[in-house]
Amino acid sequence: MSSDKIDLAELSPDVVIVGGGAVGLVAAVYLASRDVRVLILEAGPEQLHQDSQTIFQAAVSKGRKHAGLHQGRFRALGGTTNFWGGQLVRFDRTVFAQRPWLSDAVWPISLEDIEPFYAECERLLGLPDGLSDDFTVIKKLQTPAEYRDDDLEYFYTRWLTEKNLRFRFARFLEGNANVTVATNAPVTSLRISAGGEIAAVTVGFGAQAVEVAARLVVLANGTVEMVRLLQHQTTDGYAPPWGNNPWLGRGFLDHLEGTIASLKPLEKSLFRSLFDNVFLQGMKLQPRLRLSEARQIEDELLGAAIHVKFEAQEHVQNAKIFLAGLLKGRLSNPERIASEIWAAARLGFPMAWHYLVNQRIWSPMNGNIQLRVMLEQVPLPSSTITLSEIRDEYGMRIPELSWAVSGEKEIRTIQAAAALSKHYFESRGIAKVAIPELILAGGPELLASFVDTFHHMGGVRMGISESDSVVDPMCRVFGCENLYVMGAAVFPTSGFANPTFTAMALALRTAEMIKLQVQR
C-alpha cells in the first residue's frame, strides 16, 4: 500500500477505483487477486482526521431533514467502515420483484444473479462457515418453536468481528503488487476522449492537479459524492456525455427508522431465548422479525424489519463501535494520545448524540424495552441530489440534497408492523406490547418522528435503458463504455436491509466482468 506521496502520473493501472471505502476496497482486493492492476484513489487521509471531514459540513440539505448528509460520511481510507457496526444482511427476493404498489422502479437483475457474489463477499470478509443460512443457525441454537409466524419471519443479522475494512485488508494492500492505494487524492473531474470514453481522471485542483490515465474507471466514492462527480463538468469544462440522463441524481433513498411499541416481558426465559444476541464461532448474530413476502403482497406494504432495543446496552455498544472504529491504531505514539483521542471524540460526538436523541439506545431487562422498525421508502423522482452554486476548495460545486418521502405507504407499513408485532408477542405469551397513540393515529406527525439511517441509496439507479436508469445491469454508465459505478447509488429500490452487504456483492459482480474485459 502506497502513501499519498506516490507519483500518480507515472502509474498505468488497468482499473482506477475512485473511493477507498467498503465497496472500493472489496472490489480492489477481488481484482488484484486476479492479476488486474488496480489504483485506489482515496480523497481522504489514511487515518481519520477532523480536517478531512469539513467538506461534508458544507453540503446543503433541503426538503425533509437528513442528518446523515453531514454526520454519517467519512473521508478516509476505509470510508464509513471507520464507524460502522459491521452488520451484514442479504436482500430478500421480494426486493428484486416487480411491486406495482411501490412504484415503476424495478431491478433488472434477480436474486439469483447476485447470490454467488454474496457468498464470495462472505469469504473475503472472513465469515465463519455454516452461518449464512438462518435455518441452520436456528437448528444449532435449538430456538423455541414460537419463532414461527406466517406474517413475521424470524431471521438473523450477522456482525463482522473486524469491522474496519482498512484493517481487515491491510496485509493484502501492503503485500500485493497489483494494487496501489493513494490517499489524499481527491478526484475532481473526468477527462473525456473524442470517442466518449474516460481518457483520464483529474486528481487535485489548479497547479496541483495531476491526470491519471486508465483503461477502465470505477466510481465507488459513496452515493452523494458519486452523483456530484457525475454531474460535474469534465476536465475540459464541458457537460459529460451522460449529463442529460433524466435519472441522474433522482430517486435518492434512505431507510426510515423509529419506535413502534414498548415491551414488558411476560415469559422472560422465552423472551431471551428468542431475542438475545447470540455468538456462534466468534460472530455476533442478532435476531429480528421481518414482514413476510406474502403479507407485503396481500396488503401492498413496503419491506420492513423489527428489532428489540434494550435501553442502556445499545449506548454501550455504540461506545464500543466508536472506540474500536475511531481510536484503533491511534495510540501507537504516546506523545499524541491526548490529541488523537480529542480528534476522534470531535468526529464521533455528533453521531453519538444522534443515536441518543433518537432513542437508538437500550437498557437491561428491567428497564425500557422498545420495538424499533426499519423500513424502505417509496422511490420518488422528486428526491434528488443536485449541485449548488457554492464551490469547495477544489473548485467543485457543493452537493445539495432534497430528500423526499411519499408518506401514505410508509405510514401504512409502520402501522402494520406495530399491529403484527403486538399479535406476535402477545399471542405467544412472550410480552405485553403497548403501541403509542402516535403510531395508531398515523398522519404527518408519525412520519416526522422517524429518522434517516445514514443509508444513502439511489441517484444512479440501475435499469435496462437510458430512459429509466443511469447504469445498465452490469453497472456500466450509459453513454460511456469504460465507466462503472459501484455502490448503493445504483439501487432502484432498497427493501429494509442495511445496503452495504448488497453493495459489496454487486461490486464483486461488476468486478468479475471488469476482470474479463481487462483479460480480453
Protein backbone atom coordinates (compact mmCIF):
# COMPACT_ATOMS: atom_id res chain seq x y z
CA MET A 1 0.00 0.00 0.00
CA SER A 2 1.45 3.32 -1.02
CA SER A 3 1.28 6.64 0.77
CA ASP A 4 -0.09 9.93 -0.52
CA LYS A 5 3.39 10.79 -1.85
CA ILE A 6 3.36 8.44 -4.86
CA ASP A 7 3.79 9.83 -8.36
CA LEU A 8 0.35 9.26 -9.88
CA ALA A 9 1.41 10.42 -13.34
CA GLU A 10 3.85 7.51 -13.57
CA LEU A 11 1.25 4.82 -12.97
CA SER A 12 -0.52 2.83 -15.68
CA PRO A 13 -3.22 0.76 -13.95
CA ASP A 14 -5.81 -1.38 -15.69
CA VAL A 15 -8.52 -0.02 -13.40
CA VAL A 16 -8.78 3.20 -11.41
CA ILE A 17 -11.16 2.92 -8.44
CA VAL A 18 -12.33 6.27 -7.08
CA GLY A 19 -13.01 5.80 -3.36
CA GLY A 20 -11.40 3.59 -0.73
CA GLY A 21 -14.44 2.67 1.35
CA ALA A 22 -16.11 -0.72 1.81
CA VAL A 23 -17.11 -1.15 -1.83
CA GLY A 24 -13.86 0.15 -3.34
CA LEU A 25 -11.65 -1.97 -1.09
CA VAL A 26 -13.61 -5.19 -1.65
CA ALA A 27 -13.56 -4.67 -5.43
CA ALA A 28 -9.84 -3.84 -5.41
CA VAL A 29 -8.93 -6.96 -3.42
CA TYR A 30 -11.03 -9.12 -5.74
CA LEU A 31 -9.48 -7.67 -8.91
CA ALA A 32 -5.88 -7.51 -7.69
CA SER A 33 -6.02 -11.14 -6.57
CA ARG A 34 -6.94 -11.99 -10.18
CA ASP A 35 -3.94 -10.21 -11.73
CA VAL A 36 -5.71 -6.95 -12.56
CA ARG A 37 -3.63 -3.84 -11.79
CA VAL A 38 -5.69 -1.53 -9.60
CA LEU A 39 -5.17 2.01 -8.36
CA ILE A 40 -7.38 3.19 -5.50
CA LEU A 41 -7.75 6.97 -5.24
CA GLU A 42 -8.99 7.88 -1.76
CA ALA A 43 -9.84 11.56 -1.26
CA GLY A 44 -9.11 11.49 2.46
CA PRO A 45 -6.08 10.53 4.54
CA GLU A 46 -5.13 7.02 5.60
CA GLN A 47 -6.18 7.83 9.19
CA LEU A 48 -9.40 9.68 10.02
CA HIS A 49 -8.82 13.33 10.80
CA GLN A 50 -11.14 16.23 11.53
CA ASP A 51 -9.77 18.30 8.65
CA SER A 52 -10.89 15.69 6.13
CA GLN A 53 -14.49 15.90 7.35
CA THR A 54 -15.16 19.62 6.91
CA ILE A 55 -16.22 19.16 3.29
CA PHE A 56 -19.33 17.27 4.42
CA GLN A 57 -20.45 20.11 6.67
CA ALA A 58 -20.77 22.37 3.64
CA ALA A 59 -23.32 20.13 1.89
CA VAL A 60 -26.75 21.73 1.53
CA SER A 61 -29.86 19.96 2.83
CA LYS A 62 -33.34 20.94 1.68
CA GLY A 63 -36.70 19.22 1.98
CA ARG A 64 -37.02 16.59 4.71
CA LYS A 65 -34.31 16.77 7.38
CA HIS A 66 -31.45 14.35 6.69
CA ALA A 67 -28.89 14.08 9.49
CA GLY A 68 -26.74 11.60 7.57
CA LEU A 69 -25.79 14.14 4.94
CA HIS A 70 -23.43 15.78 7.43
CA GLN A 71 -22.80 13.19 10.14
CA GLY A 72 -22.72 9.76 8.54
CA ARG A 73 -19.97 10.15 5.96
CA PHE A 74 -16.23 9.70 6.44
CA ARG A 75 -13.49 10.80 4.05
CA ALA A 76 -10.59 8.47 4.89
CA LEU A 77 -9.32 5.05 3.87
CA GLY A 78 -11.97 2.56 4.94
CA GLY A 79 -14.75 5.13 4.45
CA THR A 80 -17.80 4.61 6.64
CA THR A 81 -16.37 1.33 7.96
CA ASN A 82 -14.30 3.56 10.27
CA PHE A 83 -17.55 3.99 12.22
CA TRP A 84 -19.73 1.02 11.37
CA GLY A 85 -21.28 -1.81 13.32
CA GLY A 86 -20.35 -4.30 10.61
CA GLN A 87 -23.91 -5.54 10.06
CA LEU A 88 -24.46 -7.87 7.08
CA VAL A 89 -27.98 -8.52 5.77
CA ARG A 90 -28.90 -10.02 2.41
CA PHE A 91 -31.72 -8.52 0.39
CA ASP A 92 -34.95 -10.52 0.23
CA ARG A 93 -36.20 -11.96 -3.03
CA THR A 94 -39.10 -9.51 -2.79
CA VAL A 95 -36.78 -6.55 -3.33
CA PHE A 96 -35.91 -7.74 -6.84
CA ALA A 97 -39.53 -8.49 -7.80
CA GLN A 98 -41.81 -6.05 -9.54
CA ARG A 99 -44.09 -4.45 -6.95
CA PRO A 100 -46.68 -2.24 -8.68
CA TRP A 101 -47.81 -0.72 -5.37
CA LEU A 102 -44.27 0.55 -4.74
CA SER A 103 -43.51 2.40 -8.00
CA ASP A 104 -42.41 1.64 -11.54
CA ALA A 105 -38.84 1.18 -10.24
CA VAL A 106 -37.67 -2.41 -10.66
CA TRP A 107 -34.32 -4.20 -10.58
CA PRO A 108 -33.15 -5.51 -13.98
CA ILE A 109 -31.46 -8.45 -12.21
CA SER A 110 -32.73 -11.22 -9.93
CA LEU A 111 -31.60 -12.53 -6.57
CA GLU A 112 -30.04 -15.50 -8.40
CA ASP A 113 -27.77 -13.09 -10.29
CA ILE A 114 -26.25 -11.77 -7.09
CA GLU A 115 -26.33 -14.79 -4.74
CA PRO A 116 -22.91 -16.21 -5.80
CA PHE A 117 -21.34 -12.85 -5.02
CA TYR A 118 -22.89 -12.70 -1.57
CA ALA A 119 -21.06 -15.96 -0.92
CA GLU A 120 -17.79 -14.61 -2.36
CA CYS A 121 -18.14 -11.48 -0.26
CA GLU A 122 -18.62 -13.59 2.87
CA ARG A 123 -15.41 -15.43 2.03
CA LEU A 124 -13.46 -12.18 1.58
CA LEU A 125 -14.82 -10.80 4.85
CA GLY A 126 -13.97 -13.95 6.77
CA LEU A 127 -17.45 -15.09 7.83
CA PRO A 128 -17.36 -18.46 9.60
CA ASP A 129 -18.54 -21.46 7.59
CA GLY A 130 -22.10 -22.66 8.09
CA LEU A 131 -23.59 -19.43 9.44
CA SER A 132 -25.09 -17.99 6.25
CA ASP A 133 -28.39 -19.86 6.50
CA ASP A 134 -30.91 -18.84 9.16
CA PHE A 135 -32.45 -22.31 9.46
CA THR A 136 -29.04 -23.80 10.15
CA VAL A 137 -28.49 -21.26 12.92
CA ILE A 138 -31.98 -21.87 14.36
CA LYS A 139 -31.27 -25.60 14.47
CA LYS A 140 -27.87 -25.11 16.12
CA LEU A 141 -29.35 -22.84 18.80
CA GLN A 142 -32.43 -25.03 19.31
CA THR A 143 -34.59 -21.92 19.01
CA PRO A 144 -38.09 -22.40 20.52
CA ALA A 145 -40.84 -23.16 18.00
CA GLU A 146 -42.55 -19.87 18.92
CA TYR A 147 -40.31 -18.13 16.39
CA ARG A 148 -42.56 -19.37 13.56
CA ASP A 149 -45.15 -16.99 12.14
CA ASP A 150 -46.86 -16.52 8.77
CA ASP A 151 -46.72 -12.73 8.81
CA LEU A 152 -43.42 -12.03 10.58
CA GLU A 153 -40.39 -14.06 9.53
CA TYR A 154 -37.68 -14.69 12.12
CA PHE A 155 -34.13 -14.12 10.88
CA TYR A 156 -30.62 -13.09 11.96
CA THR A 157 -28.32 -10.26 11.00
CA ARG A 158 -24.58 -11.07 11.04
CA TRP A 159 -21.99 -8.68 12.53
CA LEU A 160 -18.36 -8.64 11.46
CA THR A 161 -15.65 -9.10 14.06
CA GLU A 162 -13.19 -6.79 12.22
CA LYS A 163 -15.47 -4.01 11.06
CA ASN A 164 -12.95 -1.56 9.60
CA LEU A 165 -12.02 -2.86 6.15
CA ARG A 166 -8.84 -0.77 6.14
CA PHE A 167 -7.53 -3.07 8.86
CA ARG A 168 -9.14 -6.23 7.52
CA PHE A 169 -7.37 -5.88 4.16
CA ALA A 170 -4.21 -4.11 5.38
CA ARG A 171 -1.88 -7.07 4.81
CA PHE A 172 -3.21 -7.66 1.29
CA LEU A 173 -2.97 -3.98 0.35
CA GLU A 174 0.58 -3.80 1.65
CA GLY A 175 1.81 -7.01 0.05
CA ASN A 176 0.07 -7.39 -3.31
CA ALA A 177 1.94 -5.80 -6.23
CA ASN A 178 -1.25 -5.45 -8.29
CA VAL A 179 -2.83 -2.84 -6.02
CA THR A 180 -1.71 0.70 -5.20
CA VAL A 181 -3.52 2.96 -2.74
CA ALA A 182 -3.14 6.74 -2.97
CA THR A 183 -4.60 8.73 -0.08
CA ASN A 184 -5.30 12.47 -0.04
CA ALA A 185 -6.10 12.06 -3.73
CA PRO A 186 -9.49 13.70 -4.42
CA VAL A 187 -10.80 13.14 -7.95
CA THR A 188 -12.21 16.47 -9.08
CA SER A 189 -13.18 15.77 -12.70
CA LEU A 190 -13.07 13.27 -15.54
CA ARG A 191 -11.42 13.81 -18.92
CA ILE A 192 -13.48 12.53 -21.85
CA SER A 193 -11.86 11.33 -25.10
CA ALA A 194 -13.12 12.20 -28.56
CA GLY A 195 -14.78 8.78 -28.65
CA GLY A 196 -16.80 9.48 -25.49
CA GLU A 197 -14.78 7.29 -23.12
CA ILE A 198 -12.91 8.30 -19.96
CA ALA A 199 -9.35 9.16 -21.00
CA ALA A 200 -8.12 10.14 -17.53
CA VAL A 201 -9.22 11.20 -14.08
CA THR A 202 -8.06 14.51 -12.64
CA VAL A 203 -6.75 14.44 -9.08
CA GLY A 204 -6.47 17.71 -7.17
CA PHE A 205 -7.07 21.23 -8.40
CA GLY A 206 -5.26 24.08 -10.13
CA ALA A 207 -1.48 23.92 -10.28
CA GLN A 208 -1.50 20.80 -8.06
CA ALA A 209 -3.76 18.80 -10.38
CA VAL A 210 -2.49 15.50 -11.81
CA GLU A 211 -4.10 13.39 -14.52
CA VAL A 212 -4.15 9.60 -14.23
CA ALA A 213 -4.85 7.59 -17.36
CA ALA A 214 -6.70 4.28 -17.10
CA ARG A 215 -8.30 1.70 -19.31
CA LEU A 216 -11.33 1.43 -17.01
CA VAL A 217 -12.67 3.74 -14.29
CA VAL A 218 -14.86 2.74 -11.35
CA LEU A 219 -16.69 5.23 -9.14
CA ALA A 220 -17.02 3.81 -5.62
CA ASN A 221 -16.91 7.05 -3.65
CA GLY A 222 -20.30 6.97 -1.94
CA THR A 223 -23.74 7.94 -3.21
CA VAL A 224 -23.64 11.72 -2.69
CA GLU A 225 -20.06 12.26 -3.86
CA MET A 226 -20.53 9.90 -6.79
CA VAL A 227 -23.59 11.78 -8.07
CA ARG A 228 -21.73 15.02 -7.52
CA LEU A 229 -18.78 13.90 -9.66
CA LEU A 230 -21.06 12.58 -12.42
CA GLN A 231 -22.94 15.90 -12.52
CA HIS A 232 -19.77 17.98 -12.50
CA GLN A 233 -18.33 19.37 -15.72
CA THR A 234 -15.49 17.46 -17.35
CA THR A 235 -11.83 18.43 -17.10
CA ASP A 236 -12.23 20.36 -20.36
CA GLY A 237 -15.17 22.29 -18.92
CA TYR A 238 -17.91 20.55 -20.91
CA ALA A 239 -21.00 18.68 -19.82
CA PRO A 240 -20.35 14.91 -19.67
CA PRO A 241 -21.99 12.55 -22.22
CA TRP A 242 -24.36 11.24 -19.54
CA GLY A 243 -25.17 14.71 -18.21
CA ASN A 244 -28.65 14.84 -19.69
CA ASN A 245 -29.73 11.47 -18.30
CA PRO A 246 -33.16 12.11 -16.72
CA TRP A 247 -32.44 9.86 -13.71
CA LEU A 248 -29.00 11.14 -12.72
CA GLY A 249 -29.34 12.45 -9.17
CA ARG A 250 -33.00 11.42 -8.88
CA GLY A 251 -34.63 8.68 -6.81
CA PHE A 252 -32.44 9.24 -3.73
CA LEU A 253 -33.39 6.76 -0.99
CA ASP A 254 -32.77 6.16 2.69
CA HIS A 255 -34.30 3.87 5.28
CA LEU A 256 -36.68 5.22 7.88
CA GLU A 257 -36.38 4.09 11.50
CA GLY A 258 -38.41 4.70 14.63
CA THR A 259 -40.06 3.21 17.71
CA ILE A 260 -43.38 1.41 17.19
CA ALA A 261 -44.03 -0.01 20.67
CA SER A 262 -42.72 -0.69 24.16
CA LEU A 263 -42.46 -4.20 25.60
CA LYS A 264 -42.98 -5.75 29.01
CA PRO A 265 -41.72 -9.36 29.00
CA LEU A 266 -44.17 -11.92 30.43
CA GLU A 267 -42.09 -15.05 29.96
CA LYS A 268 -38.51 -13.83 30.37
CA SER A 269 -36.75 -17.10 29.55
CA LEU A 270 -38.70 -17.42 26.30
CA PHE A 271 -38.11 -13.75 25.50
CA ARG A 272 -34.35 -14.11 25.97
CA SER A 273 -34.12 -17.35 24.02
CA LEU A 274 -35.78 -15.64 21.06
CA PHE A 275 -34.31 -12.13 21.14
CA ASP A 276 -30.99 -12.11 22.95
CA ASN A 277 -27.97 -11.58 20.70
CA VAL A 278 -26.02 -14.78 20.22
CA PHE A 279 -22.42 -15.64 19.38
CA LEU A 280 -21.50 -18.59 17.17
CA GLN A 281 -17.94 -19.30 16.07
CA GLY A 282 -16.93 -15.86 17.29
CA MET A 283 -19.58 -13.96 15.29
CA LYS A 284 -22.46 -11.97 16.76
CA LEU A 285 -25.92 -12.71 15.36
CA GLN A 286 -28.92 -10.54 16.17
CA PRO A 287 -32.46 -11.98 15.91
CA ARG A 288 -35.07 -9.86 14.17
CA LEU A 289 -38.51 -10.10 12.55
CA ARG A 290 -39.40 -9.01 9.01
CA LEU A 291 -42.64 -8.64 7.11
CA SER A 292 -43.21 -11.81 5.08
CA GLU A 293 -43.40 -11.66 1.32
CA ALA A 294 -47.00 -12.92 1.42
CA ARG A 295 -48.05 -10.17 3.85
CA GLN A 296 -46.30 -7.49 1.77
CA ILE A 297 -48.07 -8.62 -1.39
CA GLU A 298 -51.50 -9.09 0.17
CA ASP A 299 -51.55 -5.72 1.94
CA GLU A 300 -49.30 -3.87 -0.54
CA LEU A 301 -46.73 -2.99 2.11
CA LEU A 302 -43.11 -1.93 1.95
CA GLY A 303 -40.23 -4.05 3.23
CA ALA A 304 -39.69 -3.67 6.98
CA ALA A 305 -37.79 -5.36 9.81
CA ILE A 306 -38.45 -5.16 13.56
CA HIS A 307 -35.83 -5.41 16.28
CA VAL A 308 -35.78 -5.27 20.06
CA LYS A 309 -33.86 -2.44 21.73
CA PHE A 310 -32.81 -2.60 25.39
CA GLU A 311 -32.19 0.94 26.57
CA ALA A 312 -28.72 1.16 28.16
CA GLN A 313 -26.92 -1.65 26.40
CA GLU A 314 -27.13 -0.05 22.97
CA HIS A 315 -25.38 3.01 24.33
CA VAL A 316 -22.54 0.74 25.45
CA GLN A 317 -22.47 -0.92 22.03
CA ASN A 318 -22.26 2.44 20.26
CA ALA A 319 -19.41 3.43 22.57
CA LYS A 320 -17.59 0.21 21.66
CA ILE A 321 -18.04 0.88 17.94
CA PHE A 322 -16.83 4.44 18.47
CA LEU A 323 -13.72 3.34 20.33
CA ALA A 324 -12.92 0.44 18.01
CA GLY A 325 -13.58 2.38 14.82
CA LEU A 326 -12.08 5.75 15.61
CA LEU A 327 -9.35 5.00 18.14
CA LYS A 328 -7.96 1.81 16.64
CA GLY A 329 -4.38 2.38 15.59
CA ARG A 330 -4.30 5.86 17.16
CA LEU A 331 -2.50 5.02 20.37
CA SER A 332 0.83 3.84 18.96
CA ASN A 333 2.52 7.21 19.59
CA PRO A 334 2.41 8.07 23.34
CA GLU A 335 3.10 11.73 22.63
CA ARG A 336 -0.07 12.04 20.55
CA ILE A 337 -2.54 10.02 22.66
CA ALA A 338 -4.40 13.03 24.10
CA SER A 339 -4.66 14.90 20.79
CA GLU A 340 -5.75 11.80 18.87
CA ILE A 341 -8.45 10.92 21.42
CA TRP A 342 -9.72 14.51 21.30
CA ALA A 343 -9.79 14.48 17.48
CA ALA A 344 -11.68 11.18 17.49
CA ALA A 345 -14.17 12.49 20.06
CA ARG A 346 -14.88 15.54 17.90
CA LEU A 347 -15.67 13.21 14.99
CA GLY A 348 -17.81 10.76 16.91
CA PHE A 349 -19.82 13.01 19.22
CA PRO A 350 -22.38 14.19 16.60
CA MET A 351 -23.27 10.60 15.70
CA ALA A 352 -23.37 9.52 19.34
CA TRP A 353 -25.74 12.42 20.05
CA HIS A 354 -27.89 11.41 17.07
CA TYR A 355 -28.23 7.91 18.49
CA LEU A 356 -29.13 9.32 21.90
CA VAL A 357 -31.80 11.84 20.93
CA ASN A 358 -33.47 9.44 18.51
CA GLN A 359 -33.76 6.70 21.16
CA ARG A 360 -31.23 4.44 19.45
CA ILE A 361 -30.21 3.14 22.88
CA TRP A 362 -31.20 0.21 25.12
CA SER A 363 -31.30 -0.93 28.79
CA PRO A 364 -31.40 -4.08 30.98
CA MET A 365 -34.44 -6.36 31.07
CA ASN A 366 -35.99 -4.41 33.95
CA GLY A 367 -35.62 -1.14 32.05
CA ASN A 368 -37.29 0.30 28.99
CA ILE A 369 -37.53 -2.21 26.12
CA GLN A 370 -38.58 -0.88 22.74
CA LEU A 371 -39.61 -2.32 19.42
CA ARG A 372 -37.97 -0.45 16.56
CA VAL A 373 -38.75 -0.79 12.87
CA MET A 374 -36.59 -0.03 9.85
CA LEU A 375 -38.39 0.23 6.54
CA GLU A 376 -37.81 1.16 2.96
CA GLN A 377 -39.27 4.22 1.30
CA VAL A 378 -41.10 4.62 -1.98
CA PRO A 379 -38.63 5.78 -4.69
CA LEU A 380 -39.55 9.31 -5.78
CA PRO A 381 -38.20 11.33 -8.73
CA SER A 382 -38.53 14.41 -6.50
CA SER A 383 -35.96 13.02 -4.04
CA THR A 384 -32.82 14.47 -5.56
CA ILE A 385 -29.12 15.24 -5.34
CA THR A 386 -28.15 18.32 -7.36
CA LEU A 387 -25.30 20.83 -7.42
CA SER A 388 -25.49 24.17 -5.63
CA GLU A 389 -23.70 27.29 -6.85
CA ILE A 390 -21.24 27.17 -3.93
CA ARG A 391 -17.81 25.73 -4.70
CA ASP A 392 -15.35 23.94 -2.45
CA GLU A 393 -11.56 24.33 -2.24
CA TYR A 394 -11.14 22.11 -5.31
CA GLY A 395 -13.44 24.19 -7.48
CA MET A 396 -16.24 21.61 -7.37
CA ARG A 397 -19.81 22.67 -6.73
CA ILE A 398 -21.21 21.61 -3.35
CA PRO A 399 -23.94 18.92 -3.43
CA GLU A 400 -27.49 19.82 -2.46
CA LEU A 401 -29.81 17.08 -1.15
CA SER A 402 -33.57 17.37 -1.27
CA TRP A 403 -34.82 14.21 0.43
CA ALA A 404 -38.48 13.42 -0.18
CA VAL A 405 -40.69 10.71 1.37
CA SER A 406 -44.16 9.96 -0.01
CA GLY A 407 -45.93 9.21 3.27
CA GLU A 408 -49.04 7.07 2.80
CA LYS A 409 -47.38 3.70 2.11
CA GLU A 410 -44.67 4.28 4.70
CA ILE A 411 -47.26 5.10 7.38
CA ARG A 412 -49.37 2.06 6.49
CA THR A 413 -46.30 -0.17 6.72
CA ILE A 414 -45.32 1.25 10.12
CA GLN A 415 -48.82 0.67 11.48
CA ALA A 416 -48.93 -2.87 10.08
CA ALA A 417 -45.56 -3.67 11.65
CA ALA A 418 -46.83 -2.46 15.03
CA ALA A 419 -50.08 -4.42 14.85
CA LEU A 420 -48.41 -7.63 13.68
CA SER A 421 -45.75 -7.32 16.37
CA LYS A 422 -48.40 -6.93 19.07
CA HIS A 423 -50.11 -10.10 17.88
CA TYR A 424 -46.81 -11.98 17.63
CA PHE A 425 -45.63 -11.22 21.19
CA GLU A 426 -48.99 -11.35 22.97
CA SER A 427 -50.48 -14.43 21.27
CA ARG A 428 -47.42 -16.43 22.36
CA GLY A 429 -47.34 -15.04 25.88
CA ILE A 430 -43.86 -13.58 25.29
CA ALA A 431 -44.52 -9.95 26.19
CA LYS A 432 -47.17 -7.29 26.62
CA VAL A 433 -46.98 -4.71 23.81
CA ALA A 434 -48.03 -1.06 24.14
CA ILE A 435 -48.35 0.84 20.87
CA PRO A 436 -48.08 4.66 21.20
CA GLU A 437 -51.05 6.76 20.17
CA LEU A 438 -48.83 8.47 17.58
CA ILE A 439 -48.47 5.15 15.74
CA LEU A 440 -52.18 4.33 15.93
CA ALA A 441 -53.22 7.80 14.71
CA GLY A 442 -50.87 7.93 11.72
CA GLY A 443 -50.53 11.17 9.83
CA PRO A 444 -47.63 13.58 9.20
CA GLU A 445 -46.59 13.64 12.86
CA LEU A 446 -45.87 9.90 12.77
CA LEU A 447 -43.74 10.18 9.66
CA ALA A 448 -41.88 13.19 11.09
CA SER A 449 -40.89 11.14 14.16
CA PHE A 450 -38.94 8.67 12.01
CA VAL A 451 -35.30 9.42 11.22
CA ASP A 452 -32.89 8.60 8.41
CA THR A 453 -30.34 5.83 8.98
CA PHE A 454 -27.31 7.15 7.04
CA HIS A 455 -28.08 4.57 4.31
CA HIS A 456 -27.61 6.65 1.16
CA MET A 457 -29.00 4.88 -1.91
CA GLY A 458 -30.27 5.73 -5.39
CA GLY A 459 -29.35 8.63 -7.64
CA VAL A 460 -27.51 6.47 -10.21
CA ARG A 461 -30.07 3.74 -10.48
CA MET A 462 -29.72 0.53 -12.45
CA GLY A 463 -32.02 -0.37 -15.35
CA ILE A 464 -32.24 -1.53 -18.93
CA SER A 465 -32.11 1.78 -20.83
CA GLU A 466 -31.16 5.45 -20.51
CA SER A 467 -34.83 6.38 -20.31
CA ASP A 468 -35.32 4.65 -16.96
CA SER A 469 -31.85 4.50 -15.40
CA VAL A 470 -28.24 5.72 -15.35
CA VAL A 471 -26.34 2.42 -15.42
CA ASP A 472 -27.01 -0.91 -17.14
CA PRO A 473 -27.48 -4.26 -15.33
CA MET A 474 -23.68 -4.60 -15.01
CA CYS A 475 -23.44 -1.08 -13.54
CA ARG A 476 -21.78 0.48 -16.59
CA VAL A 477 -22.80 4.11 -17.19
CA PHE A 478 -24.96 4.53 -20.28
CA GLY A 479 -23.09 6.57 -22.88
CA CYS A 480 -19.60 5.62 -21.69
CA GLU A 481 -18.04 2.21 -22.39
CA ASN A 482 -15.30 2.31 -19.75
CA LEU A 483 -17.03 3.95 -16.75
CA TYR A 484 -18.62 1.83 -14.00
CA VAL A 485 -20.39 2.60 -10.75
CA MET A 486 -20.16 0.52 -7.57
CA GLY A 487 -22.26 1.20 -4.51
CA ALA A 488 -25.78 1.61 -3.20
CA ALA A 489 -26.36 4.54 -5.59
CA VAL A 490 -27.40 2.01 -8.25
CA PHE A 491 -30.30 0.60 -6.17
CA PRO A 492 -33.72 1.21 -7.83
CA THR A 493 -35.43 0.07 -4.59
CA SER A 494 -33.98 -0.87 -1.24
CA GLY A 495 -36.02 -3.25 0.91
CA PHE A 496 -35.31 -2.83 4.63
CA ALA A 497 -31.76 -4.22 4.83
CA ASN A 498 -28.57 -2.31 5.52
CA PRO A 499 -27.29 -1.66 1.98
CA THR A 500 -23.55 -2.29 2.49
CA PHE A 501 -23.54 -6.07 2.02
CA THR A 502 -25.55 -5.93 -1.20
CA ALA A 503 -23.45 -3.00 -2.47
CA MET A 504 -20.30 -5.07 -1.93
CA ALA A 505 -21.79 -8.16 -3.57
CA LEU A 506 -22.91 -6.11 -6.59
CA ALA A 507 -19.41 -4.62 -6.77
CA LEU A 508 -17.92 -8.12 -7.00
CA ARG A 509 -20.37 -8.98 -9.77
CA THR A 510 -19.22 -5.91 -11.72
CA ALA A 511 -15.58 -6.63 -10.86
CA GLU A 512 -15.87 -10.09 -12.40
CA MET A 513 -16.99 -8.55 -15.69
CA ILE A 514 -14.22 -5.94 -15.48
CA LYS A 515 -11.68 -8.74 -14.97
CA LEU A 516 -12.87 -10.46 -18.15
CA GLN A 517 -12.81 -7.15 -20.02
CA VAL A 518 -9.20 -6.49 -18.95
CA GLN A 519 -8.14 -10.01 -19.92
CA ARG A 520 -9.62 -9.57 -23.38
